[in-house]
N, C-alpha and C. Protein backbone atom coordinates (compact mmCIF):
# COMPACT_ATOMS: atom_id res chain seq x y z
N MET A 1 2.94 0.35 -14.58
CA MET A 1 2.35 0.63 -13.21
C MET A 1 3.53 0.25 -12.39
N ILE A 2 4.32 -0.79 -12.55
CA ILE A 2 5.15 -2.05 -11.26
C ILE A 2 5.80 -0.46 -11.02
N LYS A 3 6.26 0.20 -12.16
CA LYS A 3 7.29 1.31 -11.90
C LYS A 3 6.57 2.16 -11.03
N LEU A 4 5.92 2.69 -11.35
CA LEU A 4 5.47 3.73 -10.42
C LEU A 4 4.76 2.91 -8.69
N ILE A 5 4.62 1.37 -8.71
CA ILE A 5 4.19 1.21 -7.06
C ILE A 5 5.36 0.77 -6.69
N GLU A 6 5.92 0.67 -7.52
CA GLU A 6 8.14 0.38 -7.00
C GLU A 6 8.50 2.20 -6.31
N ASP A 7 7.83 2.72 -7.20
CA ASP A 7 8.48 4.22 -6.47
C ASP A 7 7.38 5.04 -4.88
N THR A 8 6.57 4.13 -5.11
CA THR A 8 6.03 4.77 -3.77
C THR A 8 6.57 3.76 -2.40
N TYR A 9 7.15 2.74 -2.97
CA TYR A 9 8.38 2.52 -1.65
C TYR A 9 9.76 3.29 -1.39
N SER A 10 9.98 3.42 -2.45
CA SER A 10 11.23 4.59 -2.35
C SER A 10 11.05 5.87 -1.19
N THR A 11 10.11 5.90 -1.46
CA THR A 11 9.78 7.76 -0.31
C THR A 11 9.43 7.16 0.71
N ALA A 12 10.04 6.53 1.30
CA ALA A 12 9.85 5.69 2.76
C ALA A 12 9.72 7.20 3.97
N VAL A 13 10.07 8.14 3.65
CA VAL A 13 10.62 9.35 4.23
C VAL A 13 9.05 10.17 5.04
N GLN A 14 8.07 9.85 4.00
CA GLN A 14 6.68 10.65 3.51
C GLN A 14 6.12 9.34 2.59
N SER A 15 4.51 9.29 3.24
CA SER A 15 3.60 8.19 2.76
C SER A 15 2.89 9.60 1.92
N PHE A 16 1.93 8.89 1.40
CA PHE A 16 1.22 9.38 0.48
C PHE A 16 -0.04 9.09 0.86
N VAL A 17 -1.64 9.11 0.43
CA VAL A 17 -2.48 9.09 0.32
C VAL A 17 -2.45 8.68 -1.25
N THR A 18 -2.99 7.04 -1.65
CA THR A 18 -3.13 6.74 -3.01
C THR A 18 -4.24 6.93 -3.45
N ARG A 19 -4.78 6.85 -4.44
CA ARG A 19 -5.93 6.12 -4.57
C ARG A 19 -5.81 5.52 -6.61
N VAL A 20 -5.36 4.28 -6.13
CA VAL A 20 -5.64 2.76 -7.26
C VAL A 20 -6.93 2.75 -7.41
N ILE A 21 -6.47 2.54 -8.70
CA ILE A 21 -8.05 2.34 -9.46
C ILE A 21 -7.90 1.42 -10.66
N CYS A 22 -8.65 0.17 -10.29
CA CYS A 22 -7.97 -1.67 -11.01
C CYS A 22 -9.35 -1.61 -12.20
N LYS A 23 -8.91 -2.61 -12.60
CA LYS A 23 -10.01 -2.88 -13.93
C LYS A 23 -11.66 -2.67 -13.30
N ASP A 24 -11.67 -3.26 -12.37
CA ASP A 24 -12.68 -3.71 -12.31
C ASP A 24 -14.01 -2.49 -11.63
N ASP A 25 -13.01 -0.89 -11.71
CA ASP A 25 -13.55 0.36 -12.43
C ASP A 25 -14.06 0.42 -10.56
N ILE A 26 -13.46 -0.01 -9.58
CA ILE A 26 -13.19 0.07 -8.47
C ILE A 26 -12.09 0.81 -7.36
N ALA A 27 -11.77 1.71 -6.57
CA ALA A 27 -10.65 2.63 -6.19
C ALA A 27 -10.40 2.87 -5.13
N HIS A 28 -9.26 2.15 -4.48
CA HIS A 28 -8.91 2.09 -3.55
C HIS A 28 -7.99 2.95 -2.66
N TYR A 29 -8.30 3.30 -1.91
CA TYR A 29 -7.65 4.78 -1.25
C TYR A 29 -6.73 4.37 0.32
N GLY A 30 -5.36 4.28 0.22
CA GLY A 30 -5.02 3.98 1.01
C GLY A 30 -3.29 4.13 1.05
N TYR A 31 -2.48 2.96 1.42
CA TYR A 31 -0.83 3.06 0.90
C TYR A 31 -0.27 2.30 1.15
N PHE A 32 0.19 2.22 0.35
CA PHE A 32 1.41 0.82 -0.29
C PHE A 32 1.95 1.05 0.88
N ASN A 33 2.87 -0.50 0.94
CA ASN A 33 3.38 -0.63 2.42
C ASN A 33 4.54 -2.07 2.11
N SER A 34 5.36 -2.10 2.64
CA SER A 34 6.29 -3.16 1.91
C SER A 34 6.15 -4.26 3.60
N PHE A 35 5.94 -5.10 3.90
CA PHE A 35 6.00 -6.41 4.79
C PHE A 35 6.88 -7.32 4.85
N GLU A 36 7.54 -8.27 5.72
CA GLU A 36 8.82 -9.12 5.23
C GLU A 36 8.09 -9.74 4.07
N ASP A 37 6.74 -9.67 3.12
CA ASP A 37 6.73 -10.51 2.02
C ASP A 37 6.83 -9.58 0.94
N TYR A 38 7.50 -9.09 0.77
CA TYR A 38 7.33 -7.80 -0.22
C TYR A 38 8.07 -8.42 -1.19
N SER A 39 9.33 -9.05 -0.97
CA SER A 39 10.59 -9.83 -2.53
C SER A 39 9.33 -11.02 -3.30
N GLU A 40 8.97 -11.51 -2.21
CA GLU A 40 7.71 -12.74 -2.34
C GLU A 40 6.76 -11.93 -3.31
N LEU A 41 5.65 -11.18 -2.78
CA LEU A 41 4.52 -10.62 -3.30
C LEU A 41 5.10 -10.19 -4.59
N LYS A 42 6.37 -9.34 -5.02
CA LYS A 42 6.67 -8.58 -6.14
C LYS A 42 6.75 -10.01 -7.12
N GLU A 43 7.50 -10.73 -7.13
CA GLU A 43 8.04 -12.58 -8.00
C GLU A 43 6.87 -12.37 -8.79
N LYS A 44 5.62 -12.15 -7.94
CA LYS A 44 3.98 -12.69 -8.72
C LYS A 44 3.65 -10.95 -9.17
N ASN A 45 4.02 -9.80 -9.48
CA ASN A 45 3.74 -9.25 -9.25
C ASN A 45 2.25 -8.90 -8.32
N GLN A 46 2.57 -9.05 -7.13
CA GLN A 46 1.37 -8.35 -6.11
C GLN A 46 2.23 -7.13 -5.07
N TYR A 47 1.35 -6.72 -4.38
CA TYR A 47 1.64 -5.60 -3.76
C TYR A 47 0.48 -5.26 -1.96
N ARG A 48 1.38 -5.44 -1.25
CA ARG A 48 0.40 -5.10 -0.26
C ARG A 48 0.24 -3.72 0.07
N PHE A 49 -1.10 -3.42 -0.11
CA PHE A 49 -1.62 -1.71 0.14
C PHE A 49 -2.68 -1.58 1.85
N ILE A 50 -2.53 -1.32 2.42
CA ILE A 50 -3.14 -0.40 4.09
C ILE A 50 -3.97 0.76 3.59
N PRO A 51 -5.86 0.27 3.57
CA PRO A 51 -6.64 0.77 3.14
C PRO A 51 -7.28 1.62 4.31
N ARG A 52 -7.34 3.30 3.68
CA ARG A 52 -7.25 4.11 4.62
C ARG A 52 -8.27 3.70 5.79
N ASN A 53 -8.79 2.82 5.76
CA ASN A 53 -10.10 3.16 7.07
C ASN A 53 -9.50 1.46 8.22
N ASN A 54 -8.07 1.63 7.37
CA ASN A 54 -7.65 0.78 8.16
C ASN A 54 -6.36 0.80 8.94
N PHE A 55 -5.83 2.02 8.68
CA PHE A 55 -4.73 2.68 9.34
C PHE A 55 -4.18 2.56 10.25
N HIS A 56 -5.89 3.33 10.59
CA HIS A 56 -5.37 3.99 12.51
C HIS A 56 -4.95 2.29 13.34
N ALA A 57 -5.70 1.29 13.22
CA ALA A 57 -5.54 0.51 13.61
C ALA A 57 -4.30 -0.30 12.70
N TYR A 58 -3.61 -0.43 11.99
CA TYR A 58 -2.27 -0.35 11.72
C TYR A 58 -1.28 0.09 12.56
N LYS A 59 -1.82 1.46 12.27
CA LYS A 59 -0.66 1.85 13.16
C LYS A 59 -0.25 2.30 14.71
N ASP A 60 -1.61 1.78 15.33
CA ASP A 60 -1.86 1.75 16.46
C ASP A 60 -1.14 0.38 16.99
N GLU A 61 -1.35 -0.71 15.96
CA GLU A 61 -0.78 -2.31 16.61
C GLU A 61 0.66 -2.09 16.55
N TYR A 62 1.58 -1.12 15.46
CA TYR A 62 2.68 -1.15 15.85
C TYR A 62 3.15 -0.28 16.07
N VAL A 63 2.75 0.59 16.96
CA VAL A 63 2.72 1.35 18.24
C VAL A 63 3.23 0.54 19.33
N LYS A 64 1.93 -0.09 19.84
CA LYS A 64 1.96 -1.14 21.10
C LYS A 64 2.83 -2.15 20.73
N ARG A 65 2.73 -2.70 19.33
CA ARG A 65 3.53 -4.27 19.53
C ARG A 65 4.61 -4.37 18.76
N GLY A 66 5.17 -3.38 18.45
CA GLY A 66 6.53 -2.98 17.33
C GLY A 66 6.52 -4.08 15.79
N ARG A 67 5.04 -4.10 15.62
CA ARG A 67 5.10 -5.36 14.36
C ARG A 67 4.25 -5.09 13.16
N HIS A 68 4.19 -5.07 12.14
CA HIS A 68 3.24 -4.66 11.23
C HIS A 68 2.62 -5.88 11.22
N ASN A 69 1.36 -5.39 11.18
CA ASN A 69 0.92 -7.38 11.28
C ASN A 69 -0.41 -6.95 9.42
N VAL A 70 -0.26 -7.55 9.19
CA VAL A 70 -0.39 -8.09 7.77
C VAL A 70 -2.05 -7.91 7.42
N SER A 71 -2.54 -8.53 8.80
CA SER A 71 -4.15 -8.32 8.53
C SER A 71 -4.62 -6.68 8.38
N HIS A 72 -4.55 -5.74 7.87
CA HIS A 72 -4.41 -4.87 8.11
C HIS A 72 -4.53 -4.41 6.56
N SER A 73 -4.10 -5.55 6.38
CA SER A 73 -3.73 -5.00 4.18
C SER A 73 -4.21 -5.75 3.37
N ILE A 74 -4.38 -5.34 2.18
CA ILE A 74 -4.86 -6.49 1.35
C ILE A 74 -3.64 -5.85 0.17
N ILE A 75 -4.42 -7.28 -0.72
CA ILE A 75 -3.04 -7.82 -1.99
C ILE A 75 -3.37 -7.00 -2.84
N LEU A 76 -2.78 -6.33 -4.05
CA LEU A 76 -3.09 -5.36 -5.44
C LEU A 76 -2.06 -6.30 -6.14
N THR A 77 -2.61 -7.21 -7.25
CA THR A 77 -2.03 -7.57 -8.07
C THR A 77 -1.69 -6.54 -9.41
N GLY A 78 -0.53 -6.06 -9.76
CA GLY A 78 -0.02 -4.74 -10.73
C GLY A 78 -0.48 -4.66 -11.82
N GLU A 79 -1.59 -5.81 -12.29
CA GLU A 79 -1.83 -5.92 -13.36
C GLU A 79 -3.86 -6.00 -13.82
N ASP A 80 -3.62 -5.64 -12.60
CA ASP A 80 -5.17 -5.33 -11.79
C ASP A 80 -5.58 -3.59 -12.44
N VAL A 81 -4.13 -3.14 -11.75
CA VAL A 81 -3.84 -1.53 -11.50
C VAL A 81 -3.76 -0.89 -12.81
N VAL A 82 -5.12 -0.30 -13.36
CA VAL A 82 -5.29 0.77 -13.96
C VAL A 82 -4.42 2.35 -13.80
N ASP A 83 -5.05 2.77 -12.54
CA ASP A 83 -4.30 3.91 -12.54
C ASP A 83 -3.79 4.35 -11.41
N ILE A 84 -2.39 5.14 -11.01
CA ILE A 84 -2.33 5.38 -9.24
C ILE A 84 -2.28 7.00 -9.64
N GLN A 85 -2.72 7.16 -8.64
CA GLN A 85 -2.72 9.29 -8.53
C GLN A 85 -2.57 8.59 -7.10
N PHE A 86 -1.34 10.29 -6.82
CA PHE A 86 -0.97 10.28 -5.17
C PHE A 86 -1.84 12.19 -4.76
N VAL A 87 -2.79 11.12 -4.22
CA VAL A 87 -4.04 12.86 -3.36
C VAL A 87 -3.10 13.45 -2.57
N LEU A 88 -2.40 12.88 -1.49
CA LEU A 88 -1.38 13.83 -0.86
C LEU A 88 -0.53 13.30 0.18
N PRO A 89 0.29 14.27 0.31
CA PRO A 89 1.26 13.54 1.20
C PRO A 89 0.73 13.64 2.67
N LEU A 90 0.91 12.46 3.10
CA LEU A 90 0.45 12.14 5.05
C LEU A 90 1.47 12.60 5.51
N HIS A 91 1.66 13.37 6.23
CA HIS A 91 2.85 13.56 7.92
C HIS A 91 2.24 12.51 8.81
N ILE A 92 2.59 12.09 9.65
CA ILE A 92 2.60 10.31 10.31
C ILE A 92 3.34 11.30 12.05
């Protein structure tokens, strides 16, 4: 799973609506994104994920203030992830 998560970061040209299924049978829909703490989180097998319902607020704040606000993201732990599915490309 870690390799699959990291591969999503390498597709910087295009984001993907992603379905992440966790051990607790909860499915998260949204986008993986790296913030300033990417390396620190990666060491702990954790990754920032922007839930789809937070994406517009995240994008609007970035456009207005020129910064990525982590408050629009959640942290997923790699060992809790059961499956990752790329639902469709998002053209921003």
